[in-house]
Amino acid sequence: MLMPNQNYPHLSHQVITDVTKVIDNHLRDDWVIRIEYTDEIEYFNTSWQQWGKAFFKVMEPAEVVDNIYECHTNNQICSIRLHAEKFNPVSRFYYSVCQACPASKELKYAPFELVKK
């Protein structure tokens, strides 16, 4: 699923390629990878929610990328990040996949409508 997709405008082909490279080059074997999301715009001082289950000893990044797409599909205006942990030696790694849209709370749950011009 590493093809560019028109349904995910915030997840460009370059972003997905970068995530794949990070996992391939740095987060294999003994890393635990989580996908997290939040709907806060100022997300540095907020709590993040985990999407799905954590990945242990990732050998192929495709499963992680599929979960990122799934998270984005269900939380389209949320910020999404990759959170990886290694326990020996203790290390943490955060990678911002996409940032929340600055939409108001009223617009957040409004139905979307296609308008042709």
Protein backbone atom coordinates (compact mmCIF):
# COMPACT_ATOMS: atom_id res chain seq x y z
CA MET A 1 0.00 0.00 0.00
CA LEU A 2 2.88 2.37 -0.63
CA MET A 3 1.15 4.03 -3.57
CA PRO A 4 0.08 7.70 -3.51
CA ASN A 5 -3.60 7.92 -2.69
CA GLN A 6 -6.02 10.75 -3.48
CA ASN A 7 -8.13 9.86 -0.42
CA TYR A 8 -5.38 10.84 2.01
CA PRO A 9 -4.28 14.40 1.17
CA HIS A 10 -2.29 14.84 4.41
CA LEU A 11 -0.43 11.58 3.83
CA SER A 12 1.57 12.33 0.74
CA HIS A 13 3.67 9.74 -1.00
CA GLN A 14 6.78 11.47 0.39
CA VAL A 15 5.55 11.20 4.00
CA ILE A 16 4.76 7.50 3.62
CA THR A 17 8.12 6.90 1.92
CA ASP A 18 9.87 8.68 4.80
CA VAL A 19 8.01 6.59 7.39
CA THR A 20 8.95 3.43 5.52
CA LYS A 21 12.62 4.47 5.39
CA VAL A 22 12.68 5.31 9.10
CA ILE A 23 11.26 1.91 10.00
CA ASP A 24 13.53 0.07 7.54
CA ASN A 25 16.71 1.83 8.61
CA HIS A 26 16.25 2.46 12.33
CA LEU A 27 13.25 0.79 13.95
CA ARG A 28 13.66 -2.89 13.14
CA ASP A 29 13.96 -5.83 15.50
CA ASP A 30 13.92 -4.72 19.14
CA TRP A 31 11.73 -1.59 18.85
CA VAL A 32 8.09 -1.38 19.91
CA ILE A 33 6.17 0.87 17.50
CA ARG A 34 2.86 2.54 18.29
CA ILE A 35 0.65 4.78 16.18
CA GLU A 36 -0.86 7.60 18.22
CA TYR A 37 -3.29 10.39 17.42
CA THR A 38 -4.82 13.52 18.97
CA ASP A 39 -7.24 16.13 17.74
CA GLU A 40 -5.52 18.99 19.55
CA ILE A 41 -3.76 21.58 17.39
CA GLU A 42 -1.22 22.42 20.11
CA TYR A 43 -0.29 18.79 20.63
CA PHE A 44 2.93 19.19 22.63
CA ASN A 45 1.09 19.43 25.96
CA THR A 46 -1.73 17.01 25.32
CA SER A 47 -2.34 13.33 25.76
CA TRP A 48 -2.18 11.02 22.78
CA GLN A 49 -4.39 8.00 22.17
CA GLN A 50 -2.95 4.79 20.80
CA TRP A 51 -4.43 3.50 17.56
CA GLY A 52 -4.71 -0.28 17.38
CA LYS A 53 -2.15 -2.56 18.92
CA ALA A 54 1.56 -1.96 19.34
CA PHE A 55 3.97 -3.58 16.87
CA PHE A 56 6.78 -5.71 18.28
CA LYS A 57 9.89 -6.63 16.30
CA VAL A 58 8.71 -5.14 13.01
CA MET A 59 10.30 -6.79 9.98
CA GLU A 60 8.16 -5.18 7.26
CA PRO A 61 6.94 -1.57 7.45
CA ALA A 62 3.85 -2.25 5.28
CA GLU A 63 1.71 -3.33 8.26
CA VAL A 64 2.59 -0.13 10.16
CA VAL A 65 1.84 1.99 7.08
CA ASP A 66 -1.52 0.24 6.65
CA ASN A 67 -2.40 1.11 10.24
CA ILE A 68 -1.37 4.73 9.66
CA TYR A 69 -3.78 4.86 6.69
CA GLU A 70 -6.51 3.25 8.80
CA CYS A 71 -5.94 5.73 11.64
CA HIS A 72 -6.05 8.65 9.21
CA THR A 73 -9.24 7.33 7.60
CA ASN A 74 -11.00 7.23 10.97
CA ASN A 75 -9.44 10.44 12.37
CA GLN A 76 -9.01 12.70 9.35
CA ILE A 77 -8.47 15.98 11.18
CA CYS A 78 -6.19 14.56 13.87
CA SER A 79 -2.45 14.74 14.30
CA ILE A 80 -0.80 11.35 13.89
CA ARG A 81 2.63 10.32 15.10
CA LEU A 82 4.81 7.27 15.24
CA HIS A 83 6.02 6.47 18.76
CA ALA A 84 8.80 3.92 19.04
CA GLU A 85 10.45 2.62 22.21
CA LYS A 86 13.45 0.47 22.83
CA PHE A 87 13.99 -0.98 26.28
CA ASN A 88 17.67 -1.89 26.25
CA PRO A 89 19.20 0.68 26.14
CA VAL A 90 16.16 2.80 26.96
CA SER A 91 15.34 5.01 23.97
CA ARG A 92 12.26 6.78 22.62
CA PHE A 93 11.61 8.10 19.14
CA TYR A 94 8.71 10.25 17.90
CA TYR A 95 7.97 10.96 14.25
CA SER A 96 5.16 13.31 13.24
CA VAL A 97 3.22 11.79 10.36
CA CYS A 98 0.63 14.56 9.92
CA GLN A 99 -0.69 17.51 11.89
CA ALA A 100 -4.28 18.32 12.84
CA CYS A 101 -6.26 20.66 10.65
CA PRO A 102 -7.17 23.91 12.40
CA ALA A 103 -10.91 23.25 12.07
CA SER A 104 -13.38 24.36 14.67
CA LYS A 105 -15.22 21.83 16.83
CA GLU A 106 -18.45 22.64 14.95
CA LEU A 107 -16.88 21.71 11.63
CA LYS A 108 -15.31 18.59 13.03
CA TYR A 109 -18.50 16.54 12.99
CA ALA A 110 -20.32 18.28 10.15
CA PRO A 111 -21.12 16.11 7.13
CA PHE A 112 -18.95 16.76 4.10
CA GLU A 113 -20.44 17.65 0.75
CA LEU A 114 -18.83 17.67 -2.68
CA VAL A 115 -19.28 20.89 -4.60
CA LYS A 116 -18.62 20.97 -8.32
CA LYS A 117 -17.52 24.22 -9.90
